[in-house]
Amino acid sequence: MKTASMKEQQQQKIKTQPGFIAALDQSGGSTPKALRAYGIKEGAWSNDEEMFALVHQMRARIMTSPNFNGDRILAAILFEGTMDRDIEGQPTADYLWNVKRVVPFLKVDKGLSDEKDGVHLMKRMPELAALLDKANAKRIFGTKMRSFIKQANAAGIKAVVNQQFEVAAQILAAGLMPIVEPEVDIHCPEKARAETLLKAALLEELNKLPAGQLVMLKITLPEQDDLYADCVSHPNVLRVVALSGGYSLKEGNDRLRRNHGVVASFSRALVEGLSVQQSDAEYNAVLDATIQSIFEASNT
């Protein structure tokens, strides 16, 4: 009997297991903020290389914690610089899967364009094909890319979703699983309306996908509970995950609990309360409590 390939095992895990996704993919722009929250002040590095080395230590401490493993965590989203580095002598993606049984994803977008029609599209990605080749060589399972919706503008939201699915097609063609992430700003003045428009645009694109072609969705926790139920049950959706989007851990978990079948993909909320000054025992206790709370909120 043929054993399931690594990709099949990883896909099965994401589809069927309880758990959530750890988003460890703060990019260059948000890195100083992430380090500051972790207790490392701006003067602690003198160039980008030193800054990224510090952030890799911060992420490695999370990933090597005994409480960070595939029992409660389905996958981790990595920044390219993290994918390119090693953890305990193995490339990060290999370490995550081989040691922790956590599925590796890669953030592929290059940031946001200027606002137009109330949204920020993704910047053009001329190097995407080369990055996808590298991701495959590094045994990455899937990718993530973020757009940002600030206003309930139908034309803008449609443009975001169209762009996301165009890029997703390129990612699927490269043999990787795309996480489509059209984030709605939690401060959007008509957030509920923006989310209704977004859901309609998402379903329109999902319905165009050929049978058997799967994508993942990453959405802001909505104003209307279970708004994305039709996406959760859609035959072309592997899993719907939610970002914390600036909500506190408590509010993120509260909202998550009310959205059945949606699991977390938290970044800021995951590292809330962690500090470089903590002893390993303190650090691991805080991380364990956070992981458990997100795991329970995801499992509804």
C-alpha atoms as a PDB file:
ATOM      1  CA  MET A   1       0.000   0.000   0.000  1.00  0.00           C
ATOM      2  CA  LYS A   2       1.335   3.435  -0.960  1.00  0.00           C
ATOM      3  CA  THR A   3       1.885   5.643   2.081  1.00  0.00           C
ATOM      4  CA  ALA A   4       0.401   9.130   1.981  1.00  0.00           C
ATOM      5  CA  SER A   5       2.863  11.740   0.724  1.00  0.00           C
ATOM      6  CA  MET A   6       4.001  14.507   3.026  1.00  0.00           C
ATOM      7  CA  LYS A   7       1.706  16.996   1.251  1.00  0.00           C
ATOM      8  CA  GLU A   8      -1.272  14.638   1.585  1.00  0.00           C
ATOM      9  CA  GLN A   9      -0.568  14.185   5.299  1.00  0.00           C
ATOM     10  CA  GLN A  10      -0.282  17.945   5.739  1.00  0.00           C
ATOM     11  CA  GLN A  11      -3.502  18.632   3.827  1.00  0.00           C
ATOM     12  CA  GLN A  12      -5.348  15.985   5.843  1.00  0.00           C
ATOM     13  CA  LYS A  13      -4.101  17.520   9.093  1.00  0.00           C
ATOM     14  CA  ILE A  14      -5.327  21.010   8.158  1.00  0.00           C
ATOM     15  CA  LYS A  15      -8.684  19.695   6.934  1.00  0.00           C
ATOM     16  CA  THR A  16      -9.566  17.373   9.796  1.00  0.00           C
ATOM     17  CA  GLN A  17      -7.658  18.143  12.984  1.00  0.00           C
ATOM     18  CA  PRO A  18      -8.730  20.550  15.713  1.00  0.00           C
ATOM     19  CA  GLY A  19      -6.232  23.343  16.260  1.00  0.00           C
ATOM     20  CA  PHE A  20      -5.241  26.721  14.858  1.00  0.00           C
ATOM     21  CA  ILE A  21      -2.564  28.450  12.793  1.00  0.00           C
ATOM     22  CA  ALA A  22       0.264  30.421  14.385  1.00  0.00           C
ATOM     23  CA  ALA A  23       1.013  33.507  12.276  1.00  0.00           C
ATOM     24  CA  LEU A  24       4.726  34.208  12.818  1.00  0.00           C
ATOM     25  CA  ASP A  25       5.105  36.362   9.733  1.00  0.00           C
ATOM     26  CA  GLN A  26       5.553  39.985  10.794  1.00  0.00           C
ATOM     27  CA  SER A  27       7.459  41.565   7.906  1.00  0.00           C
ATOM     28  CA  GLY A  28      10.052  44.352   7.834  1.00  0.00           C
ATOM     29  CA  GLY A  29       7.566  47.154   8.512  1.00  0.00           C
ATOM     30  CA  SER A  30       5.997  45.612  11.599  1.00  0.00           C
ATOM     31  CA  THR A  31       9.150  43.975  13.008  1.00  0.00           C
ATOM     32  CA  PRO A  32      10.300  46.864  15.288  1.00  0.00           C
ATOM     33  CA  LYS A  33       6.794  46.968  16.786  1.00  0.00           C
ATOM     34  CA  ALA A  34       6.815  43.192  17.342  1.00  0.00           C
ATOM     35  CA  LEU A  35      10.254  43.371  18.991  1.00  0.00           C
ATOM     36  CA  ARG A  36       9.167  46.304  21.183  1.00  0.00           C
ATOM     37  CA  ALA A  37       6.150  44.349  22.413  1.00  0.00           C
ATOM     38  CA  TYR A  38       8.559  41.502  23.243  1.00  0.00           C
ATOM     39  CA  GLY A  39      10.695  43.853  25.358  1.00  0.00           C
ATOM     40  CA  ILE A  40      13.523  44.590  22.898  1.00  0.00           C
ATOM     41  CA  LYS A  41      13.909  48.362  22.421  1.00  0.00           C
ATOM     42  CA  GLU A  42      14.772  50.036  19.111  1.00  0.00           C
ATOM     43  CA  GLY A  43      18.403  50.748  20.055  1.00  0.00           C
ATOM     44  CA  ALA A  44      19.153  47.026  20.420  1.00  0.00           C
ATOM     45  CA  TRP A  45      20.105  46.667  16.735  1.00  0.00           C
ATOM     46  CA  SER A  46      22.126  48.826  14.386  1.00  0.00           C
ATOM     47  CA  ASN A  47      20.939  47.497  11.006  1.00  0.00           C
ATOM     48  CA  ASP A  48      18.261  45.354   9.388  1.00  0.00           C
ATOM     49  CA  GLU A  49      20.397  42.222   9.517  1.00  0.00           C
ATOM     50  CA  GLU A  50      20.746  42.486  13.308  1.00  0.00           C
ATOM     51  CA  MET A  51      17.037  43.309  13.626  1.00  0.00           C
ATOM     52  CA  PHE A  52      16.042  40.193  11.643  1.00  0.00           C
ATOM     53  CA  ALA A  53      18.458  38.055  13.656  1.00  0.00           C
ATOM     54  CA  LEU A  54      16.708  39.244  16.835  1.00  0.00           C
ATOM     55  CA  VAL A  55      13.269  38.544  15.409  1.00  0.00           C
ATOM     56  CA  HIS A  56      14.425  35.076  14.340  1.00  0.00           C
ATOM     57  CA  GLN A  57      15.504  34.401  17.951  1.00  0.00           C
ATOM     58  CA  MET A  58      12.069  35.598  19.088  1.00  0.00           C
ATOM     59  CA  ARG A  59      10.295  33.259  16.647  1.00  0.00           C
ATOM     60  CA  ALA A  60      12.664  30.362  17.325  1.00  0.00           C
ATOM     61  CA  ARG A  61      11.899  30.639  21.048  1.00  0.00           C
ATOM     62  CA  ILE A  62       8.191  30.225  20.245  1.00  0.00           C
ATOM     63  CA  MET A  63       8.728  27.307  17.850  1.00  0.00           C
ATOM     64  CA  THR A  64      11.155  25.429  20.117  1.00  0.00           C
ATOM     65  CA  SER A  65       8.952  25.800  23.212  1.00  0.00           C
ATOM     66  CA  PRO A  66       7.723  22.384  24.392  1.00  0.00           C
ATOM     67  CA  ASN A  67       4.182  23.822  24.309  1.00  0.00           C
ATOM     68  CA  PHE A  68       4.374  24.651  20.599  1.00  0.00           C
ATOM     69  CA  ASN A  69       3.588  21.473  18.670  1.00  0.00           C
ATOM     70  CA  GLY A  70       1.137  19.793  16.331  1.00  0.00           C
ATOM     71  CA  ASP A  71      -1.201  18.648  19.098  1.00  0.00           C
ATOM     72  CA  ARG A  72      -2.858  22.084  19.185  1.00  0.00           C
ATOM     73  CA  ILE A  73      -1.203  23.944  16.311  1.00  0.00           C
ATOM     74  CA  LEU A  74      -2.048  23.004  12.730  1.00  0.00           C
ATOM     75  CA  ALA A  75       0.368  25.244  10.888  1.00  0.00           C
ATOM     76  CA  ALA A  76       2.695  28.226  11.138  1.00  0.00           C
ATOM     77  CA  ILE A  77       2.981  31.105   8.658  1.00  0.00           C
ATOM     78  CA  LEU A  78       6.563  32.235   8.130  1.00  0.00           C
ATOM     79  CA  PHE A  79       8.222  35.357   6.794  1.00  0.00           C
ATOM     80  CA  GLU A  80      10.698  34.624   3.957  1.00  0.00           C
ATOM     81  CA  GLY A  81      13.663  35.448   6.227  1.00  0.00           C
ATOM     82  CA  THR A  82      12.463  32.827   8.725  1.00  0.00           C
ATOM     83  CA  MET A  83      12.094  30.200   5.993  1.00  0.00           C
ATOM     84  CA  ASP A  84      15.674  30.918   4.902  1.00  0.00           C
ATOM     85  CA  ARG A  85      17.096  30.352   8.393  1.00  0.00           C
ATOM     86  CA  ASP A  86      17.542  27.209  10.487  1.00  0.00           C
ATOM     87  CA  ILE A  87      16.147  26.080  13.828  1.00  0.00           C
ATOM     88  CA  GLU A  88      18.159  23.564  15.838  1.00  0.00           C
ATOM     89  CA  GLY A  89      20.210  22.687  12.764  1.00  0.00           C
ATOM     90  CA  GLN A  90      17.302  22.143  10.340  1.00  0.00           C
ATOM     91  CA  PRO A  91      15.746  24.555   7.838  1.00  0.00           C
ATOM     92  CA  THR A  92      12.752  26.122   9.618  1.00  0.00           C
ATOM     93  CA  ALA A  93      10.062  24.411   7.477  1.00  0.00           C
ATOM     94  CA  ASP A  94      11.688  20.985   7.978  1.00  0.00           C
ATOM     95  CA  TYR A  95      12.010  21.577  11.718  1.00  0.00           C
ATOM     96  CA  LEU A  96       8.338  22.547  11.978  1.00  0.00           C
ATOM     97  CA  TRP A  97       7.110  19.410  10.201  1.00  0.00           C
ATOM     98  CA  ASN A  98       9.726  16.817  11.193  1.00  0.00           C
ATOM     99  CA  VAL A  99      10.034  17.768  14.865  1.00  0.00           C
ATOM    100  CA  LYS A 100       6.768  19.527  15.715  1.00  0.00           C
ATOM    101  CA  ARG A 101       4.281  18.152  13.141  1.00  0.00           C
ATOM    102  CA  VAL A 102       3.286  21.744  12.316  1.00  0.00           C
ATOM    103  CA  VAL A 103       2.562  22.501   8.624  1.00  0.00           C
ATOM    104  CA  PRO A 104       4.743  25.332   7.185  1.00  0.00           C
ATOM    105  CA  PHE A 105       3.257  28.224   5.187  1.00  0.00           C
ATOM    106  CA  LEU A 106       5.037  31.255   3.694  1.00  0.00           C
ATOM    107  CA  LYS A 107       3.879  34.880   3.498  1.00  0.00           C
ATOM    108  CA  VAL A 108       4.453  35.847  -0.154  1.00  0.00           C
ATOM    109  CA  ASP A 109       3.010  39.339  -0.566  1.00  0.00           C
ATOM    110  CA  LYS A 110       5.311  42.361  -0.760  1.00  0.00           C
ATOM    111  CA  GLY A 111       3.086  44.734   1.168  1.00  0.00           C
ATOM    112  CA  LEU A 112       0.231  47.006   0.183  1.00  0.00           C
ATOM    113  CA  SER A 113      -0.315  49.568  -2.582  1.00  0.00           C
ATOM    114  CA  ASP A 114      -1.681  53.036  -1.842  1.00  0.00           C
ATOM    115  CA  GLU A 115      -5.357  53.257  -0.973  1.00  0.00           C
ATOM    116  CA  LYS A 116      -7.814  53.392  -3.860  1.00  0.00           C
ATOM    117  CA  ASP A 117     -11.610  52.871  -3.705  1.00  0.00           C
ATOM    118  CA  GLY A 118     -11.332  52.380   0.065  1.00  0.00           C
ATOM    119  CA  VAL A 119      -8.928  49.429  -0.190  1.00  0.00           C
ATOM    120  CA  HIS A 120      -5.238  48.601  -0.376  1.00  0.00           C
ATOM    121  CA  LEU A 121      -4.460  46.068  -3.101  1.00  0.00           C
ATOM    122  CA  MET A 122      -1.257  44.057  -2.863  1.00  0.00           C
ATOM    123  CA  LYS A 123       1.823  45.512  -4.499  1.00  0.00           C
ATOM    124  CA  ARG A 124       2.835  43.821  -7.726  1.00  0.00           C
ATOM    125  CA  MET A 125       4.939  40.694  -7.203  1.00  0.00           C
ATOM    126  CA  PRO A 126       7.245  40.282 -10.197  1.00  0.00           C
ATOM    127  CA  GLU A 127       9.452  37.827  -8.258  1.00  0.00           C
ATOM    128  CA  LEU A 128       6.560  35.591  -7.182  1.00  0.00           C
ATOM    129  CA  ALA A 129       7.391  32.690  -9.536  1.00  0.00           C
ATOM    130  CA  ALA A 130      10.957  32.497  -8.197  1.00  0.00           C
ATOM    131  CA  LEU A 131       9.713  32.709  -4.599  1.00  0.00           C
ATOM    132  CA  LEU A 132       7.241  29.865  -5.194  1.00  0.00           C
ATOM    133  CA  ASP A 133      10.052  27.739  -6.656  1.00  0.00           C
ATOM    134  CA  LYS A 134      12.108  28.433  -3.542  1.00  0.00           C
ATOM    135  CA  ALA A 135       9.146  27.633  -1.277  1.00  0.00           C
ATOM    136  CA  ASN A 136       8.736  24.258  -3.010  1.00  0.00           C
ATOM    137  CA  ALA A 137      12.451  23.535  -2.654  1.00  0.00           C
ATOM    138  CA  LYS A 138      12.190  24.357   1.070  1.00  0.00           C
ATOM    139  CA  ARG A 139       9.183  21.999   1.465  1.00  0.00           C
ATOM    140  CA  ILE A 140       6.640  24.709   2.232  1.00  0.00           C
ATOM    141  CA  PHE A 141       3.018  23.520   1.985  1.00  0.00           C
ATOM    142  CA  GLY A 142       1.224  26.780   1.222  1.00  0.00           C
ATOM    143  CA  THR A 143       1.307  30.566   1.080  1.00  0.00           C
ATOM    144  CA  LYS A 144      -0.442  33.588   2.522  1.00  0.00           C
ATOM    145  CA  MET A 145      -1.038  37.044   1.018  1.00  0.00           C
ATOM    146  CA  ARG A 146      -2.820  39.994   2.542  1.00  0.00           C
ATOM    147  CA  SER A 147      -4.939  42.814   1.140  1.00  0.00           C
ATOM    148  CA  PHE A 148      -6.623  45.440   3.305  1.00  0.00           C
ATOM    149  CA  ILE A 149     -10.200  46.741   3.140  1.00  0.00           C
ATOM    150  CA  LYS A 150     -10.823  50.076   4.896  1.00  0.00           C
ATOM    151  CA  GLN A 151     -14.226  51.085   3.497  1.00  0.00           C
ATOM    152  CA  ALA A 152     -17.432  49.326   2.435  1.00  0.00           C
ATOM    153  CA  ASN A 153     -16.752  50.137  -1.225  1.00  0.00           C
ATOM    154  CA  ALA A 154     -18.126  47.490  -3.599  1.00  0.00           C
ATOM    155  CA  ALA A 155     -15.695  48.266  -6.457  1.00  0.00           C
ATOM    156  CA  GLY A 156     -12.694  48.254  -4.127  1.00  0.00           C
ATOM    157  CA  ILE A 157     -13.702  45.001  -2.441  1.00  0.00           C
ATOM    158  CA  LYS A 158     -14.293  43.329  -5.814  1.00  0.00           C
ATOM    159  CA  ALA A 159     -10.821  44.469  -6.967  1.00  0.00           C
ATOM    160  CA  VAL A 160      -9.256  42.986  -3.806  1.00  0.00           C
ATOM    161  CA  VAL A 161     -10.958  39.622  -4.268  1.00  0.00           C
ATOM    162  CA  ASN A 162     -10.207  39.485  -8.019  1.00  0.00           C
ATOM    163  CA  GLN A 163      -6.515  40.175  -7.373  1.00  0.00           C
ATOM    164  CA  GLN A 164      -6.371  37.607  -4.564  1.00  0.00           C
ATOM    165  CA  PHE A 165      -7.828  34.856  -6.763  1.00  0.00           C
ATOM    166  CA  GLU A 166      -5.621  35.758  -9.749  1.00  0.00           C
ATOM    167  CA  VAL A 167      -2.525  35.349  -7.586  1.00  0.00           C
ATOM    168  CA  ALA A 168      -4.021  32.239  -5.961  1.00  0.00           C
ATOM    169  CA  ALA A 169      -4.261  30.647  -9.426  1.00  0.00           C
ATOM    170  CA  GLN A 170      -0.505  31.171  -9.922  1.00  0.00           C
ATOM    171  CA  ILE A 171       0.182  29.665  -6.473  1.00  0.00           C
ATOM    172  CA  LEU A 172      -2.045  26.649  -7.151  1.00  0.00           C
ATOM    173  CA  ALA A 173      -0.301  26.117 -10.504  1.00  0.00           C
ATOM    174  CA  ALA A 174       2.998  25.947  -8.596  1.00  0.00           C
ATOM    175  CA  GLY A 175       1.579  23.139  -6.432  1.00  0.00           C
ATOM    176  CA  LEU A 176       1.131  25.198  -3.249  1.00  0.00           C
ATOM    177  CA  MET A 177      -1.977  25.894  -1.140  1.00  0.00           C
ATOM    178  CA  PRO A 178      -2.948  29.608  -1.146  1.00  0.00           C
ATOM    179  CA  ILE A 179      -4.416  31.346   1.897  1.00  0.00           C
ATOM    180  CA  VAL A 180      -6.465  34.204   0.451  1.00  0.00           C
ATOM    181  CA  GLU A 181      -6.475  37.045   3.009  1.00  0.00           C
ATOM    182  CA  PRO A 182      -8.723  40.055   2.317  1.00  0.00           C
ATOM    183  CA  GLU A 183      -8.510  41.656   5.777  1.00  0.00           C
ATOM    184  CA  VAL A 184     -11.276  44.059   6.782  1.00  0.00           C
ATOM    185  CA  ASP A 185     -10.031  46.868   9.024  1.00  0.00           C
ATOM    186  CA  ILE A 186     -11.576  46.410  12.489  1.00  0.00           C
ATOM    187  CA  HIS A 187     -12.035  50.216  12.506  1.00  0.00           C
ATOM    188  CA  CYS A 188     -13.914  50.250   9.182  1.00  0.00           C
ATOM    189  CA  PRO A 189     -16.889  52.647   9.745  1.00  0.00           C
ATOM    190  CA  GLU A 190     -19.311  50.220   8.038  1.00  0.00           C
ATOM    191  CA  LYS A 191     -17.557  46.988   8.931  1.00  0.00           C
ATOM    192  CA  ALA A 192     -20.651  44.766   8.763  1.00  0.00           C
ATOM    193  CA  ARG A 193     -21.539  46.085   5.301  1.00  0.00           C
ATOM    194  CA  ALA A 194     -17.972  45.664   4.048  1.00  0.00           C
ATOM    195  CA  GLU A 195     -18.065  42.046   5.263  1.00  0.00           C
ATOM    196  CA  THR A 196     -21.366  41.333   3.493  1.00  0.00           C
ATOM    197  CA  LEU A 197     -19.889  42.692   0.241  1.00  0.00           C
ATOM    198  CA  LEU A 198     -16.707  40.685   0.808  1.00  0.00           C
ATOM    199  CA  LYS A 199     -18.548  37.432   1.427  1.00  0.00           C
ATOM    200  CA  ALA A 200     -20.559  37.839  -1.809  1.00  0.00           C
ATOM    201  CA  ALA A 201     -17.363  38.534  -3.798  1.00  0.00           C
ATOM    202  CA  LEU A 202     -15.583  35.541  -2.224  1.00  0.00           C
ATOM    203  CA  LEU A 203     -18.444  33.142  -2.972  1.00  0.00           C
ATOM    204  CA  GLU A 204     -18.575  34.380  -6.575  1.00  0.00           C
ATOM    205  CA  GLU A 205     -14.884  33.520  -7.058  1.00  0.00           C
ATOM    206  CA  LEU A 206     -15.089  30.232  -5.121  1.00  0.00           C
ATOM    207  CA  ASN A 207     -17.972  29.118  -7.339  1.00  0.00           C
ATOM    208  CA  LYS A 208     -15.782  29.599 -10.434  1.00  0.00           C
ATOM    209  CA  LEU A 209     -13.091  27.188  -9.186  1.00  0.00           C
ATOM    210  CA  PRO A 210     -12.965  23.762 -10.822  1.00  0.00           C
ATOM    211  CA  ALA A 211     -14.097  20.770  -8.748  1.00  0.00           C
ATOM    212  CA  GLY A 212     -11.342  19.527  -6.458  1.00  0.00           C
ATOM    213  CA  GLN A 213      -9.386  22.805  -6.550  1.00  0.00           C
ATOM    214  CA  LEU A 214      -8.934  23.952  -2.947  1.00  0.00           C
ATOM    215  CA  VAL A 215      -7.994  27.281  -1.381  1.00  0.00           C
ATOM    216  CA  MET A 216      -7.978  28.550   2.194  1.00  0.00           C
ATOM    217  CA  LEU A 217      -9.524  31.821   3.395  1.00  0.00           C
ATOM    218  CA  LYS A 218      -8.255  34.124   6.128  1.00  0.00           C
ATOM    219  CA  ILE A 219     -10.798  36.684   7.266  1.00  0.00           C
ATOM    220  CA  THR A 220     -11.301  39.320   9.946  1.00  0.00           C
ATOM    221  CA  LEU A 221     -13.601  38.106  12.736  1.00  0.00           C
ATOM    222  CA  PRO A 222     -16.980  39.416  11.511  1.00  0.00           C
ATOM    223  CA  GLU A 223     -19.662  41.580  13.125  1.00  0.00           C
ATOM    224  CA  GLN A 224     -22.330  39.019  12.265  1.00  0.00           C
ATOM    225  CA  ASP A 225     -21.648  35.634  13.876  1.00  0.00           C
ATOM    226  CA  ASP A 226     -21.251  32.735  11.426  1.00  0.00           C
ATOM    227  CA  LEU A 227     -21.296  35.177   8.494  1.00  0.00           C
ATOM    228  CA  TYR A 228     -18.808  32.979   6.630  1.00  0.00           C
ATOM    229  CA  ALA A 229     -20.648  29.670   7.243  1.00  0.00           C
ATOM    230  CA  ASP A 230     -21.188  29.290   3.459  1.00  0.00           C
ATOM    231  CA  CYS A 231     -17.428  29.600   2.952  1.00  0.00           C
ATOM    232  CA  VAL A 232     -16.677  27.094   5.753  1.00  0.00           C
ATOM    233  CA  SER A 233     -18.900  24.486   4.073  1.00  0.00           C
ATOM    234  CA  HIS A 234     -17.859  25.347   0.486  1.00  0.00           C
ATOM    235  CA  PRO A 235     -16.439  22.286  -1.350  1.00  0.00           C
ATOM    236  CA  ASN A 236     -13.510  24.350  -2.692  1.00  0.00           C
ATOM    237  CA  VAL A 237     -12.415  25.626   0.743  1.00  0.00           C
ATOM    238  CA  LEU A 238      -9.923  23.548   2.735  1.00  0.00           C
ATOM    239  CA  ARG A 239     -10.306  25.662   5.896  1.00  0.00           C
ATOM    240  CA  VAL A 240     -11.431  29.144   6.929  1.00  0.00           C
ATOM    241  CA  VAL A 241      -9.111  30.865   9.402  1.00  0.00           C
ATOM    242  CA  ALA A 242      -9.452  34.204  11.180  1.00  0.00           C
ATOM    243  CA  LEU A 243      -6.936  36.912  12.000  1.00  0.00           C
ATOM    244  CA  SER A 244      -6.906  38.770  15.301  1.00  0.00           C
ATOM    245  CA  GLY A 245      -6.640  42.088  13.398  1.00  0.00           C
ATOM    246  CA  GLY A 246      -5.801  44.217  16.431  1.00  0.00           C
ATOM    247  CA  TYR A 247      -8.412  42.670  18.735  1.00  0.00           C
ATOM    248  CA  SER A 248      -7.018  41.637  22.121  1.00  0.00           C
ATOM    249  CA  LEU A 249      -6.554  37.939  22.799  1.00  0.00           C
ATOM    250  CA  LYS A 250      -9.728  37.929  24.908  1.00  0.00           C
ATOM    251  CA  GLU A 251     -11.912  39.666  22.329  1.00  0.00           C
ATOM    252  CA  GLY A 252     -10.400  37.639  19.488  1.00  0.00           C
ATOM    253  CA  ASN A 253     -11.198  34.398  21.325  1.00  0.00           C
ATOM    254  CA  ASP A 254     -14.716  35.579  22.239  1.00  0.00           C
ATOM    255  CA  ARG A 255     -15.513  36.385  18.600  1.00  0.00           C
ATOM    256  CA  LEU A 256     -13.874  33.197  17.370  1.00  0.00           C
ATOM    257  CA  ARG A 257     -16.023  31.036  19.643  1.00  0.00           C
ATOM    258  CA  ARG A 258     -19.142  32.471  17.995  1.00  0.00           C
ATOM    259  CA  ASN A 259     -17.970  31.625  14.451  1.00  0.00           C
ATOM    260  CA  HIS A 260     -18.361  27.879  14.129  1.00  0.00           C
ATOM    261  CA  GLY A 261     -15.902  25.980  11.967  1.00  0.00           C
ATOM    262  CA  VAL A 262     -13.543  28.995  11.755  1.00  0.00           C
ATOM    263  CA  VAL A 263     -10.138  28.545  13.425  1.00  0.00           C
ATOM    264  CA  ALA A 264      -7.651  31.179  14.515  1.00  0.00           C
ATOM    265  CA  SER A 265      -4.630  32.372  12.602  1.00  0.00           C
ATOM    266  CA  PHE A 266      -3.468  34.834  15.233  1.00  0.00           C
ATOM    267  CA  SER A 267      -0.237  36.828  15.168  1.00  0.00           C
ATOM    268  CA  ARG A 268      -0.254  39.661  17.727  1.00  0.00           C
ATOM    269  CA  ALA A 269      -2.734  37.894  20.007  1.00  0.00           C
ATOM    270  CA  LEU A 270      -0.535  34.768  20.049  1.00  0.00           C
ATOM    271  CA  VAL A 271       2.479  36.620  21.455  1.00  0.00           C
ATOM    272  CA  GLU A 272       0.516  38.790  23.909  1.00  0.00           C
ATOM    273  CA  GLY A 273       2.265  38.702  27.299  1.00  0.00           C
ATOM    274  CA  LEU A 274       5.511  37.101  26.064  1.00  0.00           C
ATOM    275  CA  SER A 275       8.734  38.891  26.957  1.00  0.00           C
ATOM    276  CA  VAL A 276      12.445  38.406  26.347  1.00  0.00           C
ATOM    277  CA  GLN A 277      13.017  38.977  30.093  1.00  0.00           C
ATOM    278  CA  GLN A 278      10.916  35.966  31.166  1.00  0.00           C
ATOM    279  CA  SER A 279      12.609  32.784  32.367  1.00  0.00           C
ATOM    280  CA  ASP A 280      11.883  29.745  30.174  1.00  0.00           C
ATOM    281  CA  ALA A 281       9.462  28.432  32.807  1.00  0.00           C
ATOM    282  CA  GLU A 282       7.503  31.716  32.923  1.00  0.00           C
ATOM    283  CA  TYR A 283       7.611  32.114  29.152  1.00  0.00           C
ATOM    284  CA  ASN A 284       6.409  28.571  28.480  1.00  0.00           C
ATOM    285  CA  ALA A 285       3.596  28.917  31.032  1.00  0.00           C
ATOM    286  CA  VAL A 286       2.286  32.115  29.358  1.00  0.00           C
ATOM    287  CA  LEU A 287       2.587  30.589  25.869  1.00  0.00           C
ATOM    288  CA  ASP A 288       0.875  27.376  27.003  1.00  0.00           C
ATOM    289  CA  ALA A 289      -2.094  29.294  28.478  1.00  0.00           C
ATOM    290  CA  THR A 290      -2.413  31.430  25.313  1.00  0.00           C
ATOM    291  CA  ILE A 291      -2.207  28.412  22.986  1.00  0.00           C
ATOM    292  CA  GLN A 292      -4.798  26.555  25.061  1.00  0.00           C
ATOM    293  CA  SER A 293      -7.213  29.507  25.061  1.00  0.00           C
ATOM    294  CA  ILE A 294      -6.916  29.963  21.259  1.00  0.00           C
ATOM    295  CA  PHE A 295      -7.195  26.198  20.697  1.00  0.00           C
ATOM    296  CA  GLU A 296     -10.424  26.027  22.718  1.00  0.00           C
ATOM    297  CA  ALA A 297     -11.916  29.092  21.013  1.00  0.00           C
ATOM    298  CA  SER A 298     -11.043  27.623  17.590  1.00  0.00           C
ATOM    299  CA  ASN A 299     -12.647  24.290  18.401  1.00  0.00           C
ATOM    300  CA  THR A 300     -16.318  25.320  18.043  1.00  0.00           C
END
